Amino acid sequence: MKFRYARYGKALRPVIPVTLLHNSQKLGYQVLVDSGADICLFDAEIGVSIGIDIKAGIPKTVFGVGGKSSLYYVHKVTIDVGGWEHEIEAGFMPNVSGRIMQYGLVGQQGFFSNFIVKFDLNKEEIEIKTSSVK
């Protein structure tokens, strides 16, 4: 499945739509496909919207580019990308992206571990295939 890069001002970013599912609740959400991210991180409000008690999860800390640490909580959710569903462990954190950008991050564990990703900046597209390796 191919997606167009999204434009944010002058910057092009590989931001794609996904659906997050938890129990019988689901919500569409935009995510940045970030090969430098270790895990998938979503805004805490998104988790609350699909019925997750955020602080009941496993607390962990992540460090950003500037060295600032942020607390997040790990929960199991299902991520749907183009009709391919995978159960993953994801972090839910208040103010993901600092509220500047309205998207979450998908990273190595949970996203790249389930999908094959091809970035093509020149064509301004990202191609995603489900991985057959488990």
N, C-alpha and C. Protein backbone atom coordinates (compact mmCIF):
# COMPACT_ATOMS: atom_id res chain seq x y z
N MET A 1 0.84 -1.16 0.00
CA MET A 1 0.00 0.00 0.00
C MET A 1 0.90 1.23 0.00
N LYS A 2 0.55 2.20 -0.82
CA LYS A 2 1.35 3.42 -0.92
C LYS A 2 0.58 4.59 -0.33
N PHE A 3 1.35 5.48 0.32
CA PHE A 3 0.81 6.70 0.91
C PHE A 3 1.64 7.87 0.43
N ARG A 4 1.01 9.01 0.28
CA ARG A 4 1.71 10.24 -0.08
C ARG A 4 2.34 10.84 1.18
N TYR A 5 3.50 11.42 1.03
CA TYR A 5 4.09 12.19 2.12
C TYR A 5 3.15 13.37 2.42
N ALA A 6 3.16 13.82 3.65
CA ALA A 6 2.36 14.98 4.03
C ALA A 6 3.27 16.21 4.10
N ARG A 7 2.72 17.34 3.75
CA ARG A 7 3.50 18.58 3.78
C ARG A 7 3.13 19.37 5.03
N TYR A 8 4.16 19.77 5.77
CA TYR A 8 4.01 20.60 6.96
C TYR A 8 4.88 21.83 6.73
N GLY A 9 4.25 22.92 6.27
CA GLY A 9 5.03 24.08 5.86
C GLY A 9 5.87 23.69 4.66
N LYS A 10 7.18 23.83 4.78
CA LYS A 10 8.09 23.45 3.68
C LYS A 10 8.59 22.02 3.83
N ALA A 11 8.29 21.37 4.94
CA ALA A 11 8.81 20.02 5.21
C ALA A 11 7.86 18.95 4.70
N LEU A 12 8.43 17.92 4.09
CA LEU A 12 7.68 16.72 3.72
C LEU A 12 7.95 15.67 4.77
N ARG A 13 6.89 15.00 5.23
CA ARG A 13 7.06 13.98 6.26
C ARG A 13 6.25 12.74 5.90
N PRO A 14 6.78 11.55 6.23
CA PRO A 14 6.03 10.31 5.99
C PRO A 14 4.99 10.09 7.10
N VAL A 15 3.93 10.86 7.03
CA VAL A 15 2.82 10.75 7.99
C VAL A 15 1.68 10.03 7.29
N ILE A 16 1.20 8.96 7.93
CA ILE A 16 0.17 8.11 7.32
C ILE A 16 -1.01 7.92 8.28
N PRO A 17 -2.16 7.56 7.74
CA PRO A 17 -3.30 7.26 8.61
C PRO A 17 -3.26 5.82 9.09
N VAL A 18 -3.60 5.62 10.36
CA VAL A 18 -3.76 4.28 10.92
C VAL A 18 -5.05 4.29 11.74
N THR A 19 -5.47 3.12 12.14
CA THR A 19 -6.58 3.01 13.08
C THR A 19 -6.06 2.25 14.29
N LEU A 20 -6.34 2.79 15.47
CA LEU A 20 -5.97 2.12 16.71
C LEU A 20 -7.23 1.50 17.30
N LEU A 21 -7.11 0.24 17.74
CA LEU A 21 -8.25 -0.49 18.30
C LEU A 21 -7.89 -1.01 19.68
N HIS A 22 -8.87 -0.93 20.58
CA HIS A 22 -8.72 -1.47 21.93
C HIS A 22 -10.09 -1.92 22.38
N ASN A 23 -10.20 -3.21 22.69
CA ASN A 23 -11.51 -3.81 22.99
C ASN A 23 -12.45 -3.51 21.83
N SER A 24 -13.57 -2.89 22.03
CA SER A 24 -14.50 -2.63 20.92
C SER A 24 -14.39 -1.20 20.41
N GLN A 25 -13.44 -0.44 20.90
CA GLN A 25 -13.29 0.97 20.51
C GLN A 25 -12.22 1.10 19.43
N LYS A 26 -12.43 2.04 18.50
CA LYS A 26 -11.40 2.30 17.49
C LYS A 26 -11.40 3.77 17.14
N LEU A 27 -10.23 4.22 16.66
CA LEU A 27 -10.07 5.64 16.35
C LEU A 27 -9.01 5.79 15.26
N GLY A 28 -9.30 6.59 14.25
CA GLY A 28 -8.32 6.92 13.23
C GLY A 28 -7.33 7.94 13.78
N TYR A 29 -6.08 7.83 13.37
CA TYR A 29 -5.02 8.67 13.91
C TYR A 29 -3.92 8.79 12.87
N GLN A 30 -3.26 9.93 12.82
CA GLN A 30 -2.14 10.14 11.93
C GLN A 30 -0.85 9.84 12.68
N VAL A 31 0.10 9.16 12.01
CA VAL A 31 1.37 8.82 12.66
C VAL A 31 2.54 9.10 11.72
N LEU A 32 3.63 9.52 12.30
CA LEU A 32 4.88 9.70 11.58
C LEU A 32 5.62 8.38 11.59
N VAL A 33 5.96 7.87 10.42
CA VAL A 33 6.73 6.64 10.31
C VAL A 33 8.19 7.03 10.55
N ASP A 34 8.70 6.66 11.72
CA ASP A 34 9.99 7.16 12.20
C ASP A 34 10.96 6.00 12.44
N SER A 35 11.86 5.78 11.50
CA SER A 35 12.80 4.66 11.61
C SER A 35 13.78 4.86 12.75
N GLY A 36 13.86 6.06 13.30
CA GLY A 36 14.75 6.31 14.43
C GLY A 36 14.08 6.12 15.78
N ALA A 37 12.78 5.90 15.78
CA ALA A 37 12.06 5.68 17.03
C ALA A 37 12.14 4.21 17.42
N ASP A 38 12.42 3.96 18.69
CA ASP A 38 12.52 2.58 19.16
C ASP A 38 11.15 1.91 19.25
N ILE A 39 10.13 2.67 19.62
CA ILE A 39 8.80 2.12 19.88
C ILE A 39 7.74 3.01 19.24
N CYS A 40 6.50 2.59 19.35
CA CYS A 40 5.38 3.41 18.90
C CYS A 40 4.90 4.23 20.09
N LEU A 41 4.73 5.53 19.88
CA LEU A 41 4.25 6.43 20.92
C LEU A 41 3.05 7.20 20.41
N PHE A 42 1.99 7.19 21.20
CA PHE A 42 0.76 7.88 20.85
C PHE A 42 0.38 8.83 21.97
N ASP A 43 -0.38 9.85 21.64
CA ASP A 43 -0.83 10.80 22.65
C ASP A 43 -1.76 10.11 23.64
N ALA A 44 -1.62 10.46 24.90
CA ALA A 44 -2.46 9.87 25.96
C ALA A 44 -3.94 10.07 25.68
N GLU A 45 -4.32 11.21 25.12
CA GLU A 45 -5.73 11.48 24.82
C GLU A 45 -6.30 10.48 23.82
N ILE A 46 -5.47 10.00 22.92
CA ILE A 46 -5.91 8.99 21.95
C ILE A 46 -6.23 7.70 22.69
N GLY A 47 -5.37 7.31 23.63
CA GLY A 47 -5.61 6.12 24.42
C GLY A 47 -6.89 6.21 25.23
N VAL A 48 -7.11 7.36 25.85
CA VAL A 48 -8.34 7.57 26.63
C VAL A 48 -9.55 7.45 25.72
N SER A 49 -9.45 7.97 24.50
CA SER A 49 -10.56 7.92 23.55
C SER A 49 -10.96 6.51 23.15
N ILE A 50 -10.01 5.56 23.25
CA ILE A 50 -10.34 4.17 22.92
C ILE A 50 -10.47 3.30 24.18
N GLY A 51 -10.67 3.97 25.31
CA GLY A 51 -11.01 3.26 26.54
C GLY A 51 -9.86 2.74 27.39
N ILE A 52 -8.67 3.28 27.20
CA ILE A 52 -7.52 2.84 27.99
C ILE A 52 -7.35 3.72 29.22
N ASP A 53 -7.13 3.09 30.36
CA ASP A 53 -6.75 3.80 31.58
C ASP A 53 -5.24 3.96 31.51
N ILE A 54 -4.80 5.10 31.01
CA ILE A 54 -3.39 5.31 30.66
C ILE A 54 -2.44 4.98 31.81
N LYS A 55 -2.67 5.53 32.98
CA LYS A 55 -1.73 5.37 34.09
C LYS A 55 -1.74 3.96 34.69
N ALA A 56 -2.65 3.08 34.23
CA ALA A 56 -2.66 1.69 34.67
C ALA A 56 -1.62 0.86 33.90
N GLY A 57 -1.01 1.46 32.88
CA GLY A 57 -0.01 0.75 32.09
C GLY A 57 1.34 0.70 32.77
N ILE A 58 2.30 0.09 32.11
CA ILE A 58 3.65 -0.02 32.63
C ILE A 58 4.37 1.31 32.38
N PRO A 59 4.81 2.01 33.45
CA PRO A 59 5.49 3.29 33.24
C PRO A 59 6.92 3.09 32.73
N LYS A 60 7.30 3.91 31.76
CA LYS A 60 8.65 3.90 31.21
C LYS A 60 9.03 5.33 30.86
N THR A 61 10.31 5.52 30.56
CA THR A 61 10.81 6.85 30.22
C THR A 61 11.49 6.81 28.86
N VAL A 62 11.28 7.85 28.09
CA VAL A 62 11.93 7.99 26.79
C VAL A 62 12.70 9.32 26.79
N PHE A 63 13.81 9.34 26.05
CA PHE A 63 14.60 10.55 25.93
C PHE A 63 14.52 11.05 24.50
N GLY A 64 14.25 12.34 24.35
CA GLY A 64 14.15 12.95 23.02
C GLY A 64 15.49 13.44 22.53
N VAL A 65 15.47 14.04 21.36
CA VAL A 65 16.69 14.54 20.71
C VAL A 65 17.43 15.53 21.61
N GLY A 66 16.69 16.37 22.31
CA GLY A 66 17.31 17.37 23.17
C GLY A 66 17.72 16.84 24.53
N GLY A 67 17.56 15.54 24.77
CA GLY A 67 17.96 14.94 26.03
C GLY A 67 16.91 15.02 27.13
N LYS A 68 15.76 15.60 26.83
CA LYS A 68 14.69 15.71 27.83
C LYS A 68 13.99 14.36 27.97
N SER A 69 13.73 13.96 29.20
CA SER A 69 13.03 12.69 29.41
C SER A 69 11.54 12.94 29.54
N SER A 70 10.75 11.97 29.10
CA SER A 70 9.30 12.04 29.18
C SER A 70 8.77 10.69 29.64
N LEU A 71 7.76 10.71 30.49
CA LEU A 71 7.14 9.50 31.01
C LEU A 71 6.03 9.06 30.07
N TYR A 72 5.96 7.75 29.81
CA TYR A 72 4.86 7.19 29.04
C TYR A 72 4.44 5.88 29.69
N TYR A 73 3.29 5.36 29.24
CA TYR A 73 2.73 4.14 29.81
C TYR A 73 2.45 3.14 28.69
N VAL A 74 2.92 1.91 28.86
CA VAL A 74 2.81 0.88 27.83
C VAL A 74 1.50 0.11 27.98
N HIS A 75 0.82 -0.07 26.83
CA HIS A 75 -0.43 -0.84 26.75
C HIS A 75 -0.42 -1.65 25.45
N LYS A 76 -1.16 -2.74 25.45
CA LYS A 76 -1.38 -3.50 24.22
C LYS A 76 -2.57 -2.90 23.48
N VAL A 77 -2.37 -2.67 22.19
CA VAL A 77 -3.43 -2.19 21.31
C VAL A 77 -3.27 -2.89 19.97
N THR A 78 -4.26 -2.75 19.13
CA THR A 78 -4.15 -3.25 17.76
C THR A 78 -4.01 -2.05 16.84
N ILE A 79 -3.05 -2.15 15.93
CA ILE A 79 -2.87 -1.09 14.93
C ILE A 79 -3.30 -1.66 13.58
N ASP A 80 -4.10 -0.89 12.86
CA ASP A 80 -4.58 -1.27 11.53
C ASP A 80 -3.97 -0.30 10.53
N VAL A 81 -3.20 -0.85 9.60
CA VAL A 81 -2.59 -0.05 8.53
C VAL A 81 -3.08 -0.63 7.21
N GLY A 82 -3.92 0.09 6.52
CA GLY A 82 -4.42 -0.37 5.22
C GLY A 82 -5.13 -1.70 5.26
N GLY A 83 -5.76 -2.03 6.38
CA GLY A 83 -6.47 -3.30 6.49
C GLY A 83 -5.66 -4.42 7.12
N TRP A 84 -4.37 -4.19 7.36
CA TRP A 84 -3.53 -5.17 8.04
C TRP A 84 -3.51 -4.83 9.52
N GLU A 85 -3.96 -5.77 10.34
CA GLU A 85 -4.01 -5.54 11.78
C GLU A 85 -2.92 -6.32 12.50
N HIS A 86 -2.30 -5.66 13.48
CA HIS A 86 -1.28 -6.29 14.31
C HIS A 86 -1.46 -5.81 15.75
N GLU A 87 -1.42 -6.75 16.69
CA GLU A 87 -1.43 -6.35 18.10
C GLU A 87 0.00 -5.95 18.46
N ILE A 88 0.11 -4.79 19.10
CA ILE A 88 1.43 -4.26 19.46
C ILE A 88 1.40 -3.75 20.89
N GLU A 89 2.58 -3.54 21.45
CA GLU A 89 2.72 -2.79 22.69
C GLU A 89 3.13 -1.39 22.28
N ALA A 90 2.41 -0.39 22.79
CA ALA A 90 2.68 0.99 22.44
C ALA A 90 2.69 1.84 23.69
N GLY A 91 3.42 2.93 23.61
CA GLY A 91 3.46 3.88 24.71
C GLY A 91 2.44 4.98 24.50
N PHE A 92 1.80 5.39 25.59
CA PHE A 92 0.87 6.52 25.56
C PHE A 92 1.42 7.59 26.48
N MET A 93 1.59 8.79 25.92
CA MET A 93 2.28 9.86 26.62
C MET A 93 1.53 11.17 26.44
N PRO A 94 1.37 11.94 27.51
CA PRO A 94 0.77 13.26 27.34
C PRO A 94 1.61 14.12 26.39
N ASN A 95 0.94 14.81 25.51
CA ASN A 95 1.58 15.78 24.61
C ASN A 95 2.67 15.19 23.71
N VAL A 96 2.38 14.04 23.09
CA VAL A 96 3.31 13.51 22.09
C VAL A 96 3.47 14.58 21.01
N SER A 97 4.65 14.76 20.52
CA SER A 97 5.00 15.79 19.52
C SER A 97 4.86 17.19 20.09
N GLY A 98 4.78 17.29 21.42
CA GLY A 98 4.74 18.60 22.06
C GLY A 98 3.54 19.44 21.67
N ARG A 99 2.49 18.79 21.19
CA ARG A 99 1.28 19.46 20.73
C ARG A 99 1.52 20.37 19.52
N ILE A 100 2.73 20.37 19.01
CA ILE A 100 3.02 21.17 17.82
C ILE A 100 2.48 20.46 16.59
N MET A 101 2.72 19.18 16.50
CA MET A 101 2.22 18.38 15.40
C MET A 101 1.17 17.42 15.95
N GLN A 102 0.10 17.25 15.24
CA GLN A 102 -1.00 16.41 15.71
C GLN A 102 -0.88 14.99 15.19
N TYR A 103 0.25 14.34 15.50
CA TYR A 103 0.40 12.96 15.10
C TYR A 103 1.26 12.23 16.12
N GLY A 104 1.15 10.90 16.10
CA GLY A 104 1.99 10.06 16.94
C GLY A 104 3.19 9.58 16.16
N LEU A 105 3.92 8.65 16.75
CA LEU A 105 5.10 8.09 16.11
C LEU A 105 4.97 6.58 16.07
N VAL A 106 5.34 5.98 14.96
CA VAL A 106 5.47 4.53 14.90
C VAL A 106 6.93 4.22 14.62
N GLY A 107 7.47 3.27 15.42
CA GLY A 107 8.89 2.99 15.35
C GLY A 107 9.22 1.52 15.18
N GLN A 108 10.45 1.17 15.57
CA GLN A 108 11.00 -0.16 15.32
C GLN A 108 10.13 -1.28 15.90
N GLN A 109 9.90 -1.25 17.21
CA GLN A 109 9.07 -2.29 17.83
C GLN A 109 7.60 -1.95 17.63
N GLY A 110 6.87 -2.82 17.03
CA GLY A 110 5.44 -2.61 16.81
C GLY A 110 5.09 -2.21 15.39
N PHE A 111 5.96 -1.45 14.73
CA PHE A 111 5.67 -1.06 13.35
C PHE A 111 6.66 -1.71 12.38
N PHE A 112 7.92 -1.36 12.48
CA PHE A 112 8.91 -1.95 11.57
C PHE A 112 9.07 -3.45 11.82
N SER A 113 8.70 -3.91 13.02
CA SER A 113 8.75 -5.34 13.29
C SER A 113 7.59 -6.09 12.62
N ASN A 114 6.58 -5.37 12.16
CA ASN A 114 5.42 -5.99 11.50
C ASN A 114 5.26 -5.61 10.03
N PHE A 115 5.96 -4.56 9.60
CA PHE A 115 5.78 -4.07 8.23
C PHE A 115 7.13 -3.85 7.55
N ILE A 116 7.12 -4.01 6.24
CA ILE A 116 8.27 -3.66 5.41
C ILE A 116 7.98 -2.27 4.87
N VAL A 117 8.94 -1.36 5.04
CA VAL A 117 8.71 0.04 4.72
C VAL A 117 9.73 0.52 3.69
N LYS A 118 9.24 1.20 2.67
CA LYS A 118 10.12 1.79 1.65
C LYS A 118 9.80 3.29 1.57
N PHE A 119 10.81 4.11 1.88
CA PHE A 119 10.68 5.56 1.78
C PHE A 119 11.18 6.00 0.41
N ASP A 120 10.43 6.86 -0.28
CA ASP A 120 10.88 7.42 -1.55
C ASP A 120 10.57 8.91 -1.54
N LEU A 121 11.51 9.69 -1.01
CA LEU A 121 11.32 11.13 -0.88
C LEU A 121 11.16 11.80 -2.24
N ASN A 122 11.91 11.34 -3.25
CA ASN A 122 11.80 11.96 -4.57
C ASN A 122 10.40 11.83 -5.15
N LYS A 123 9.75 10.69 -4.93
CA LYS A 123 8.37 10.50 -5.41
C LYS A 123 7.35 10.98 -4.38
N GLU A 124 7.85 11.38 -3.20
CA GLU A 124 7.00 11.85 -2.10
C GLU A 124 5.99 10.78 -1.69
N GLU A 125 6.49 9.53 -1.60
CA GLU A 125 5.59 8.46 -1.19
C GLU A 125 6.32 7.46 -0.30
N ILE A 126 5.52 6.76 0.46
CA ILE A 126 6.01 5.71 1.34
C ILE A 126 5.20 4.46 1.02
N GLU A 127 5.89 3.33 0.87
CA GLU A 127 5.20 2.08 0.57
C GLU A 127 5.33 1.16 1.77
N ILE A 128 4.20 0.56 2.15
CA ILE A 128 4.18 -0.32 3.31
C ILE A 128 3.56 -1.66 2.90
N LYS A 129 4.24 -2.73 3.29
CA LYS A 129 3.75 -4.08 3.08
C LYS A 129 3.78 -4.79 4.41
N THR A 130 2.87 -5.71 4.60
CA THR A 130 2.91 -6.50 5.83
C THR A 130 4.05 -7.49 5.74
N SER A 131 4.71 -7.72 6.86
CA SER A 131 5.83 -8.64 6.91
C SER A 131 5.29 -10.04 7.20
N SER A 132 5.80 -11.03 6.49
CA SER A 132 5.37 -12.40 6.72
C SER A 132 6.18 -13.06 7.82
N VAL A 133 7.25 -12.41 8.27
CA VAL A 133 8.12 -12.96 9.29
C VAL A 133 7.58 -12.58 10.66
N LYS A 134 7.45 -13.54 11.54
CA LYS A 134 6.99 -13.29 12.92
C LYS A 134 7.96 -13.91 13.88
